[in-house]
Amino acid sequence: MLDLVGANASWQARISRLGRLFKGQFADWTNLNLAGLAVNRDLLTKDAVACLDLFANGRRGSLFQRLGALRKSGVYRQTFAGTLGLYLAFVLGRI
């Protein structure tokens, strides 16, 4: 079967992503991405650094602190369902 970039809209792909969320894979990927951004922090605008810090710090703390930091950061996914999944990951502490 041919896989296309961005062709993850099937129910099977969504269920697979949900499984990876519960296994902590999104947290691992987020750690790698944040490490990469940290190395290039000096290349980011002040607004991007503020967003990055809110997102990174929002991964810790109480439920309300995590959700508040995510909301304030302005980070979202491309689709409404994706954004809901992002908030779920923050609620569950799996990002």
PDB file of N, CA and C in Angstrom:
ATOM      1  N   MET A   1       0.843  -1.182   0.000  1.00  0.00           N
ATOM      2  CA  MET A   1       0.000   0.000   0.000  1.00  0.00           C
ATOM      3  C   MET A   1       0.884   1.240   0.000  1.00  0.00           C
ATOM      4  N   LEU A   2       0.542   2.217  -0.771  1.00  0.00           N
ATOM      5  CA  LEU A   2       1.298   3.442  -0.902  1.00  0.00           C
ATOM      6  C   LEU A   2       0.863   4.426   0.176  1.00  0.00           C
ATOM      7  N   ASP A   3       1.823   4.916   0.949  1.00  0.00           N
ATOM      8  CA  ASP A   3       1.528   5.922   1.967  1.00  0.00           C
ATOM      9  C   ASP A   3       1.909   7.293   1.431  1.00  0.00           C
ATOM     10  N   LEU A   4       1.033   8.238   1.609  1.00  0.00           N
ATOM     11  CA  LEU A   4       1.287   9.600   1.181  1.00  0.00           C
ATOM     12  C   LEU A   4       1.465  10.487   2.392  1.00  0.00           C
ATOM     13  N   VAL A   5       2.320  11.471   2.271  1.00  0.00           N
ATOM     14  CA  VAL A   5       2.499  12.429   3.348  1.00  0.00           C
ATOM     15  C   VAL A   5       1.187  13.172   3.552  1.00  0.00           C
ATOM     16  N   GLY A   6       0.749  13.250   4.783  1.00  0.00           N
ATOM     17  CA  GLY A   6      -0.481  13.959   5.088  1.00  0.00           C
ATOM     18  C   GLY A   6      -1.736  13.142   4.901  1.00  0.00           C
ATOM     19  N   ALA A   7      -1.608  11.878   4.517  1.00  0.00           N
ATOM     20  CA  ALA A   7      -2.775  11.046   4.259  1.00  0.00           C
ATOM     21  C   ALA A   7      -3.137  10.231   5.497  1.00  0.00           C
ATOM     22  N   ASN A   8      -3.295  10.911   6.632  1.00  0.00           N
ATOM     23  CA  ASN A   8      -3.599  10.239   7.897  1.00  0.00           C
ATOM     24  C   ASN A   8      -5.020  10.542   8.367  1.00  0.00           C
ATOM     25  N   ALA A   9      -5.954  10.638   7.452  1.00  0.00           N
ATOM     26  CA  ALA A   9      -7.305  11.039   7.817  1.00  0.00           C
ATOM     27  C   ALA A   9      -8.236   9.856   8.068  1.00  0.00           C
ATOM     28  N   SER A  10      -7.767   8.644   7.841  1.00  0.00           N
ATOM     29  CA  SER A  10      -8.646   7.496   8.023  1.00  0.00           C
ATOM     30  C   SER A  10      -8.884   7.232   9.515  1.00  0.00           C
ATOM     31  N   TRP A  11      -9.942   6.507   9.799  1.00  0.00           N
ATOM     32  CA  TRP A  11     -10.233   6.156  11.198  1.00  0.00           C
ATOM     33  C   TRP A  11      -9.125   5.282  11.773  1.00  0.00           C
ATOM     34  N   GLN A  12      -8.566   4.421  10.954  1.00  0.00           N
ATOM     35  CA  GLN A  12      -7.467   3.566  11.408  1.00  0.00           C
ATOM     36  C   GLN A  12      -6.266   4.423  11.826  1.00  0.00           C
ATOM     37  N   ALA A  13      -5.942   5.456  11.039  1.00  0.00           N
ATOM     38  CA  ALA A  13      -4.827   6.347  11.364  1.00  0.00           C
ATOM     39  C   ALA A  13      -5.121   7.127  12.640  1.00  0.00           C
ATOM     40  N   ARG A  14      -6.355   7.556  12.806  1.00  0.00           N
ATOM     41  CA  ARG A  14      -6.729   8.316  14.012  1.00  0.00           C
ATOM     42  C   ARG A  14      -6.621   7.446  15.259  1.00  0.00           C
ATOM     43  N   ILE A  15      -7.080   6.218  15.159  1.00  0.00           N
ATOM     44  CA  ILE A  15      -7.001   5.290  16.297  1.00  0.00           C
ATOM     45  C   ILE A  15      -5.540   4.969  16.605  1.00  0.00           C
ATOM     46  N   SER A  16      -4.742   4.831  15.569  1.00  0.00           N
ATOM     47  CA  SER A  16      -3.317   4.580  15.755  1.00  0.00           C
ATOM     48  C   SER A  16      -2.657   5.746  16.497  1.00  0.00           C
ATOM     49  N   ARG A  17      -2.994   6.977  16.110  1.00  0.00           N
ATOM     50  CA  ARG A  17      -2.432   8.154  16.788  1.00  0.00           C
ATOM     51  C   ARG A  17      -2.872   8.207  18.239  1.00  0.00           C
ATOM     52  N   LEU A  18      -4.112   7.858  18.497  1.00  0.00           N
ATOM     53  CA  LEU A  18      -4.607   7.849  19.874  1.00  0.00           C
ATOM     54  C   LEU A  18      -3.838   6.828  20.711  1.00  0.00           C
ATOM     55  N   GLY A  19      -3.572   5.673  20.124  1.00  0.00           N
ATOM     56  CA  GLY A  19      -2.774   4.658  20.815  1.00  0.00           C
ATOM     57  C   GLY A  19      -1.378   5.155  21.119  1.00  0.00           C
ATOM     58  N   ARG A  20      -0.755   5.855  20.156  1.00  0.00           N
ATOM     59  CA  ARG A  20       0.580   6.407  20.374  1.00  0.00           C
ATOM     60  C   ARG A  20       0.557   7.473  21.451  1.00  0.00           C
ATOM     61  N   LEU A  21      -0.539   8.219  21.524  1.00  0.00           N
ATOM     62  CA  LEU A  21      -0.686   9.223  22.582  1.00  0.00           C
ATOM     63  C   LEU A  21      -0.629   8.560  23.952  1.00  0.00           C
ATOM     64  N   PHE A  22      -1.410   7.502  24.132  1.00  0.00           N
ATOM     65  CA  PHE A  22      -1.455   6.825  25.426  1.00  0.00           C
ATOM     66  C   PHE A  22      -0.145   6.122  25.760  1.00  0.00           C
ATOM     67  N   LYS A  23       0.610   5.717  24.741  1.00  0.00           N
ATOM     68  CA  LYS A  23       1.901   5.058  24.977  1.00  0.00           C
ATOM     69  C   LYS A  23       3.014   6.057  25.295  1.00  0.00           C
ATOM     70  N   GLY A  24       2.744   7.340  25.120  1.00  0.00           N
ATOM     71  CA  GLY A  24       3.750   8.351  25.417  1.00  0.00           C
ATOM     72  C   GLY A  24       4.642   8.715  24.245  1.00  0.00           C
ATOM     73  N   GLN A  25       4.335   8.219  23.047  1.00  0.00           N
ATOM     74  CA  GLN A  25       5.172   8.542  21.891  1.00  0.00           C
ATOM     75  C   GLN A  25       5.127  10.022  21.555  1.00  0.00           C
ATOM     76  N   PHE A  26       3.990  10.666  21.737  1.00  0.00           N
ATOM     77  CA  PHE A  26       3.918  12.096  21.450  1.00  0.00           C
ATOM     78  C   PHE A  26       4.830  12.874  22.385  1.00  0.00           C
ATOM     79  N   ALA A  27       4.923  12.445  23.630  1.00  0.00           N
ATOM     80  CA  ALA A  27       5.828  13.099  24.577  1.00  0.00           C
ATOM     81  C   ALA A  27       7.272  12.942  24.114  1.00  0.00           C
ATOM     82  N   ASP A  28       7.624  11.761  23.627  1.00  0.00           N
ATOM     83  CA  ASP A  28       8.986  11.535  23.122  1.00  0.00           C
ATOM     84  C   ASP A  28       9.270  12.435  21.924  1.00  0.00           C
ATOM     85  N   TRP A  29       8.331  12.494  20.987  1.00  0.00           N
ATOM     86  CA  TRP A  29       8.506  13.349  19.809  1.00  0.00           C
ATOM     87  C   TRP A  29       8.590  14.821  20.210  1.00  0.00           C
ATOM     88  N   THR A  30       7.770  15.210  21.170  1.00  0.00           N
ATOM     89  CA  THR A  30       7.788  16.591  21.635  1.00  0.00           C
ATOM     90  C   THR A  30       9.133  16.916  22.279  1.00  0.00           C
ATOM     91  N   ASN A  31       9.678  15.990  23.058  1.00  0.00           N
ATOM     92  CA  ASN A  31      10.998  16.206  23.657  1.00  0.00           C
ATOM     93  C   ASN A  31      12.055  16.438  22.585  1.00  0.00           C
ATOM     94  N   LEU A  32      12.036  15.621  21.535  1.00  0.00           N
ATOM     95  CA  LEU A  32      13.004  15.776  20.443  1.00  0.00           C
ATOM     96  C   LEU A  32      12.832  17.118  19.735  1.00  0.00           C
ATOM     97  N   ASN A  33      11.596  17.495  19.469  1.00  0.00           N
ATOM     98  CA  ASN A  33      11.343  18.768  18.789  1.00  0.00           C
ATOM     99  C   ASN A  33      11.741  19.958  19.645  1.00  0.00           C
ATOM    100  N   LEU A  34      11.445  19.904  20.938  1.00  0.00           N
ATOM    101  CA  LEU A  34      11.829  21.002  21.828  1.00  0.00           C
ATOM    102  C   LEU A  34      13.345  21.101  21.950  1.00  0.00           C
ATOM    103  N   ALA A  35      14.035  19.967  21.956  1.00  0.00           N
ATOM    104  CA  ALA A  35      15.504  19.985  22.002  1.00  0.00           C
ATOM    105  C   ALA A  35      16.065  20.631  20.734  1.00  0.00           C
ATOM    106  N   GLY A  36      15.490  20.302  19.598  1.00  0.00           N
ATOM    107  CA  GLY A  36      15.920  20.916  18.341  1.00  0.00           C
ATOM    108  C   GLY A  36      15.672  22.408  18.307  1.00  0.00           C
ATOM    109  N   LEU A  37      14.548  22.824  18.822  1.00  0.00           N
ATOM    110  CA  LEU A  37      14.249  24.255  18.877  1.00  0.00           C
ATOM    111  C   LEU A  37      15.160  24.972  19.864  1.00  0.00           C
ATOM    112  N   ALA A  38      15.515  24.326  20.957  1.00  0.00           N
ATOM    113  CA  ALA A  38      16.388  24.944  21.961  1.00  0.00           C
ATOM    114  C   ALA A  38      17.756  25.254  21.360  1.00  0.00           C
ATOM    115  N   VAL A  39      18.255  24.362  20.516  1.00  0.00           N
ATOM    116  CA  VAL A  39      19.557  24.565  19.874  1.00  0.00           C
ATOM    117  C   VAL A  39      19.521  25.790  18.959  1.00  0.00           C
ATOM    118  N   ASN A  40      18.365  26.058  18.386  1.00  0.00           N
ATOM    119  CA  ASN A  40      18.215  27.173  17.445  1.00  0.00           C
ATOM    120  C   ASN A  40      17.435  28.343  18.025  1.00  0.00           C
ATOM    121  N   ARG A  41      17.357  28.398  19.324  1.00  0.00           N
ATOM    122  CA  ARG A  41      16.562  29.414  20.008  1.00  0.00           C
ATOM    123  C   ARG A  41      16.936  30.835  19.572  1.00  0.00           C
ATOM    124  N   ASP A  42      18.221  31.059  19.333  1.00  0.00           N
ATOM    125  CA  ASP A  42      18.683  32.397  18.961  1.00  0.00           C
ATOM    126  C   ASP A  42      18.176  32.825  17.582  1.00  0.00           C
ATOM    127  N   LEU A  43      17.671  31.899  16.801  1.00  0.00           N
ATOM    128  CA  LEU A  43      17.140  32.217  15.479  1.00  0.00           C
ATOM    129  C   LEU A  43      15.657  32.579  15.515  1.00  0.00           C
ATOM    130  N   LEU A  44      15.017  32.372  16.660  1.00  0.00           N
ATOM    131  CA  LEU A  44      13.580  32.606  16.787  1.00  0.00           C
ATOM    132  C   LEU A  44      13.283  34.058  17.152  1.00  0.00           C
ATOM    133  N   THR A  45      12.121  34.519  16.758  1.00  0.00           N
ATOM    134  CA  THR A  45      11.676  35.856  17.162  1.00  0.00           C
ATOM    135  C   THR A  45      11.309  35.836  18.645  1.00  0.00           C
ATOM    136  N   LYS A  46      11.178  37.003  19.225  1.00  0.00           N
ATOM    137  CA  LYS A  46      10.798  37.094  20.644  1.00  0.00           C
ATOM    138  C   LYS A  46       9.426  36.454  20.873  1.00  0.00           C
ATOM    139  N   ASP A  47       8.507  36.686  19.950  1.00  0.00           N
ATOM    140  CA  ASP A  47       7.171  36.087  20.088  1.00  0.00           C
ATOM    141  C   ASP A  47       7.235  34.564  20.011  1.00  0.00           C
ATOM    142  N   ALA A  48       8.065  34.051  19.111  1.00  0.00           N
ATOM    143  CA  ALA A  48       8.200  32.599  18.976  1.00  0.00           C
ATOM    144  C   ALA A  48       8.837  31.996  20.226  1.00  0.00           C
ATOM    145  N   VAL A  49       9.816  32.682  20.803  1.00  0.00           N
ATOM    146  CA  VAL A  49      10.448  32.207  22.041  1.00  0.00           C
ATOM    147  C   VAL A  49       9.426  32.200  23.181  1.00  0.00           C
ATOM    148  N   ALA A  50       8.608  33.238  23.257  1.00  0.00           N
ATOM    149  CA  ALA A  50       7.578  33.299  24.301  1.00  0.00           C
ATOM    150  C   ALA A  50       6.589  32.149  24.139  1.00  0.00           C
ATOM    151  N   CYS A  51       6.166  31.885  22.907  1.00  0.00           N
ATOM    152  CA  CYS A  51       5.253  30.776  22.614  1.00  0.00           C
ATOM    153  C   CYS A  51       5.900  29.449  22.983  1.00  0.00           C
ATOM    154  N   LEU A  52       7.138  29.271  22.587  1.00  0.00           N
ATOM    155  CA  LEU A  52       7.879  28.048  22.885  1.00  0.00           C
ATOM    156  C   LEU A  52       7.990  27.827  24.394  1.00  0.00           C
ATOM    157  N   ASP A  53       8.319  28.874  25.120  1.00  0.00           N
ATOM    158  CA  ASP A  53       8.456  28.753  26.577  1.00  0.00           C
ATOM    159  C   ASP A  53       7.127  28.395  27.238  1.00  0.00           C
ATOM    160  N   LEU A  54       6.055  29.031  26.801  1.00  0.00           N
ATOM    161  CA  LEU A  54       4.738  28.714  27.354  1.00  0.00           C
ATOM    162  C   LEU A  54       4.383  27.259  27.079  1.00  0.00           C
ATOM    163  N   PHE A  55       4.620  26.815  25.856  1.00  0.00           N
ATOM    164  CA  PHE A  55       4.310  25.435  25.504  1.00  0.00           C
ATOM    165  C   PHE A  55       5.158  24.474  26.331  1.00  0.00           C
ATOM    166  N   ALA A  56       6.466  24.710  26.381  1.00  0.00           N
ATOM    167  CA  ALA A  56       7.378  23.813  27.102  1.00  0.00           C
ATOM    168  C   ALA A  56       7.049  23.783  28.593  1.00  0.00           C
ATOM    169  N   ASN A  57       6.826  24.939  29.174  1.00  0.00           N
ATOM    170  CA  ASN A  57       6.493  24.996  30.601  1.00  0.00           C
ATOM    171  C   ASN A  57       5.104  24.449  30.874  1.00  0.00           C
ATOM    172  N   GLY A  58       4.232  24.531  29.876  1.00  0.00           N
ATOM    173  CA  GLY A  58       2.876  24.022  30.015  1.00  0.00           C
ATOM    174  C   GLY A  58       2.818  22.502  30.088  1.00  0.00           C
ATOM    175  N   ARG A  59       3.908  21.861  29.820  1.00  0.00           N
ATOM    176  CA  ARG A  59       3.944  20.399  29.919  1.00  0.00           C
ATOM    177  C   ARG A  59       4.068  19.949  31.371  1.00  0.00           C
ATOM    178  N   ARG A  60       4.326  20.884  32.263  1.00  0.00           N
ATOM    179  CA  ARG A  60       4.478  20.580  33.691  1.00  0.00           C
ATOM    180  C   ARG A  60       3.420  21.344  34.483  1.00  0.00           C
ATOM    181  N   GLY A  61       3.249  20.967  35.705  1.00  0.00           N
ATOM    182  CA  GLY A  61       2.331  21.686  36.577  1.00  0.00           C
ATOM    183  C   GLY A  61       0.993  20.989  36.704  1.00  0.00           C
ATOM    184  N   SER A  62       0.108  21.666  37.386  1.00  0.00           N
ATOM    185  CA  SER A  62      -1.236  21.121  37.594  1.00  0.00           C
ATOM    186  C   SER A  62      -2.016  21.146  36.281  1.00  0.00           C
ATOM    187  N   LEU A  63      -3.126  20.467  36.274  1.00  0.00           N
ATOM    188  CA  LEU A  63      -3.972  20.421  35.082  1.00  0.00           C
ATOM    189  C   LEU A  63      -4.317  21.824  34.601  1.00  0.00           C
ATOM    190  N   PHE A  64      -4.731  22.685  35.507  1.00  0.00           N
ATOM    191  CA  PHE A  64      -5.145  24.032  35.111  1.00  0.00           C
ATOM    192  C   PHE A  64      -3.954  24.866  34.649  1.00  0.00           C
ATOM    193  N   GLN A  65      -2.786  24.658  35.237  1.00  0.00           N
ATOM    194  CA  GLN A  65      -1.581  25.355  34.776  1.00  0.00           C
ATOM    195  C   GLN A  65      -1.208  24.896  33.374  1.00  0.00           C
ATOM    196  N   ARG A  66      -1.281  23.590  33.111  1.00  0.00           N
ATOM    197  CA  ARG A  66      -0.948  23.059  31.794  1.00  0.00           C
ATOM    198  C   ARG A  66      -1.896  23.607  30.730  1.00  0.00           C
ATOM    199  N   LEU A  67      -3.190  23.543  31.011  1.00  0.00           N
ATOM    200  CA  LEU A  67      -4.170  24.016  30.031  1.00  0.00           C
ATOM    201  C   LEU A  67      -4.055  25.524  29.816  1.00  0.00           C
ATOM    202  N   GLY A  68      -3.824  26.265  30.887  1.00  0.00           N
ATOM    203  CA  GLY A  68      -3.664  27.715  30.765  1.00  0.00           C
ATOM    204  C   GLY A  68      -2.457  28.087  29.920  1.00  0.00           C
ATOM    205  N   ALA A  69      -1.348  27.392  30.140  1.00  0.00           N
ATOM    206  CA  ALA A  69      -0.143  27.673  29.362  1.00  0.00           C
ATOM    207  C   ALA A  69      -0.343  27.316  27.896  1.00  0.00           C
ATOM    208  N   LEU A  70      -1.007  26.199  27.622  1.00  0.00           N
ATOM    209  CA  LEU A  70      -1.273  25.819  26.228  1.00  0.00           C
ATOM    210  C   LEU A  70      -2.155  26.852  25.559  1.00  0.00           C
ATOM    211  N   ARG A  71      -3.214  27.252  26.217  1.00  0.00           N
ATOM    212  CA  ARG A  71      -4.122  28.249  25.641  1.00  0.00           C
ATOM    213  C   ARG A  71      -3.389  29.563  25.389  1.00  0.00           C
ATOM    214  N   LYS A  72      -2.611  30.000  26.371  1.00  0.00           N
ATOM    215  CA  LYS A  72      -1.894  31.273  26.251  1.00  0.00           C
ATOM    216  C   LYS A  72      -0.814  31.213  25.171  1.00  0.00           C
ATOM    217  N   SER A  73      -0.229  30.029  24.962  1.00  0.00           N
ATOM    218  CA  SER A  73       0.830  29.895  23.956  1.00  0.00           C
ATOM    219  C   SER A  73       0.299  30.116  22.545  1.00  0.00           C
ATOM    220  N   GLY A  74      -0.963  29.784  22.326  1.00  0.00           N
ATOM    221  CA  GLY A  74      -1.544  29.915  20.995  1.00  0.00           C
ATOM    222  C   GLY A  74      -1.255  28.731  20.084  1.00  0.00           C
ATOM    223  N   VAL A  75      -0.621  27.691  20.616  1.00  0.00           N
ATOM    224  CA  VAL A  75      -0.304  26.508  19.810  1.00  0.00           C
ATOM    225  C   VAL A  75      -1.594  25.765  19.484  1.00  0.00           C
ATOM    226  N   TYR A  76      -1.710  25.323  18.250  1.00  0.00           N
ATOM    227  CA  TYR A  76      -2.880  24.561  17.816  1.00  0.00           C
ATOM    228  C   TYR A  76      -2.461  23.612  16.710  1.00  0.00           C
ATOM    229  N   ARG A  77      -3.334  22.686  16.375  1.00  0.00           N
ATOM    230  CA  ARG A  77      -3.101  21.754  15.267  1.00  0.00           C
ATOM    231  C   ARG A  77      -3.872  22.243  14.049  1.00  0.00           C
ATOM    232  N   GLN A  78      -3.661  21.604  12.914  1.00  0.00           N
ATOM    233  CA  GLN A  78      -4.259  22.064  11.662  1.00  0.00           C
ATOM    234  C   GLN A  78      -5.768  21.872  11.611  1.00  0.00           C
ATOM    235  N   THR A  79      -6.279  20.905  12.343  1.00  0.00           N
ATOM    236  CA  THR A  79      -7.720  20.651  12.325  1.00  0.00           C
ATOM    237  C   THR A  79      -8.278  20.812  13.735  1.00  0.00           C
ATOM    238  N   PHE A  80      -9.577  20.995  13.810  1.00  0.00           N
ATOM    239  CA  PHE A  80     -10.232  21.099  15.107  1.00  0.00           C
ATOM    240  C   PHE A  80     -10.044  19.816  15.910  1.00  0.00           C
ATOM    241  N   ALA A  81     -10.195  18.675  15.237  1.00  0.00           N
ATOM    242  CA  ALA A  81     -10.000  17.387  15.915  1.00  0.00           C
ATOM    243  C   ALA A  81      -8.560  17.251  16.408  1.00  0.00           C
ATOM    244  N   GLY A  82      -7.614  17.716  15.610  1.00  0.00           N
ATOM    245  CA  GLY A  82      -6.219  17.677  16.018  1.00  0.00           C
ATOM    246  C   GLY A  82      -5.958  18.547  17.235  1.00  0.00           C
ATOM    247  N   THR A  83      -6.573  19.713  17.267  1.00  0.00           N
ATOM    248  CA  THR A  83      -6.424  20.605  18.414  1.00  0.00           C
ATOM    249  C   THR A  83      -7.060  19.981  19.659  1.00  0.00           C
ATOM    250  N   LEU A  84      -8.204  19.332  19.486  1.00  0.00           N
ATOM    251  CA  LEU A  84      -8.803  18.624  20.624  1.00  0.00           C
ATOM    252  C   LEU A  84      -7.869  17.536  21.139  1.00  0.00           C
ATOM    253  N   GLY A  85      -7.226  16.830  20.229  1.00  0.00           N
ATOM    254  CA  GLY A  85      -6.262  15.806  20.613  1.00  0.00           C
ATOM    255  C   GLY A  85      -5.084  16.398  21.363  1.00  0.00           C
ATOM    256  N   LEU A  86      -4.635  17.574  20.944  1.00  0.00           N
ATOM    257  CA  LEU A  86      -3.547  18.261  21.634  1.00  0.00           C
ATOM    258  C   LEU A  86      -3.955  18.599  23.061  1.00  0.00           C
ATOM    259  N   TYR A  87      -5.158  19.124  23.226  1.00  0.00           N
ATOM    260  CA  TYR A  87      -5.640  19.445  24.580  1.00  0.00           C
ATOM    261  C   TYR A  87      -5.797  18.176  25.410  1.00  0.00           C
ATOM    262  N   LEU A  88      -6.266  17.102  24.785  1.00  0.00           N
ATOM    263  CA  LEU A  88      -6.374  15.822  25.505  1.00  0.00           C
ATOM    264  C   LEU A  88      -5.003  15.375  25.990  1.00  0.00           C
ATOM    265  N   ALA A  89      -3.996  15.501  25.131  1.00  0.00           N
ATOM    266  CA  ALA A  89      -2.637  15.123  25.519  1.00  0.00           C
ATOM    267  C   ALA A  89      -2.165  15.955  26.718  1.00  0.00           C
ATOM    268  N   PHE A  90      -2.493  17.230  26.738  1.00  0.00           N
ATOM    269  CA  PHE A  90      -2.131  18.082  27.878  1.00  0.00           C
ATOM    270  C   PHE A  90      -2.903  17.686  29.121  1.00  0.00           C
ATOM    271  N   VAL A  91      -4.182  17.379  28.977  1.00  0.00           N
ATOM    272  CA  VAL A  91      -4.993  16.957  30.117  1.00  0.00           C
ATOM    273  C   VAL A  91      -4.419  15.691  30.737  1.00  0.00           C
ATOM    274  N   LEU A  92      -4.028  14.759  29.878  1.00  0.00           N
ATOM    275  CA  LEU A  92      -3.505  13.465  30.348  1.00  0.00           C
ATOM    276  C   LEU A  92      -2.024  13.525  30.720  1.00  0.00           C
ATOM    277  N   GLY A  93      -1.389  14.664  30.479  1.00  0.00           N
ATOM    278  CA  GLY A  93       0.031  14.784  30.765  1.00  0.00           C
ATOM    279  C   GLY A  93       0.875  13.898  29.872  1.00  0.00           C
ATOM    280  N   ARG A  94       0.449  13.722  28.621  1.00  0.00           N
ATOM    281  CA  ARG A  94       1.120  12.807  27.686  1.00  0.00           C
ATOM    282  C   ARG A  94       1.771  13.556  26.524  1.00  0.00           C
ATOM    283  N   ILE A  95       2.167  14.772  26.755  1.00  0.00           N
ATOM    284  CA  ILE A  95       2.846  15.504  25.681  1.00  0.00           C
ATOM    285  C   ILE A  95       4.110  16.150  26.189  1.00  0.00           C
TER     286      ILE A  95
END
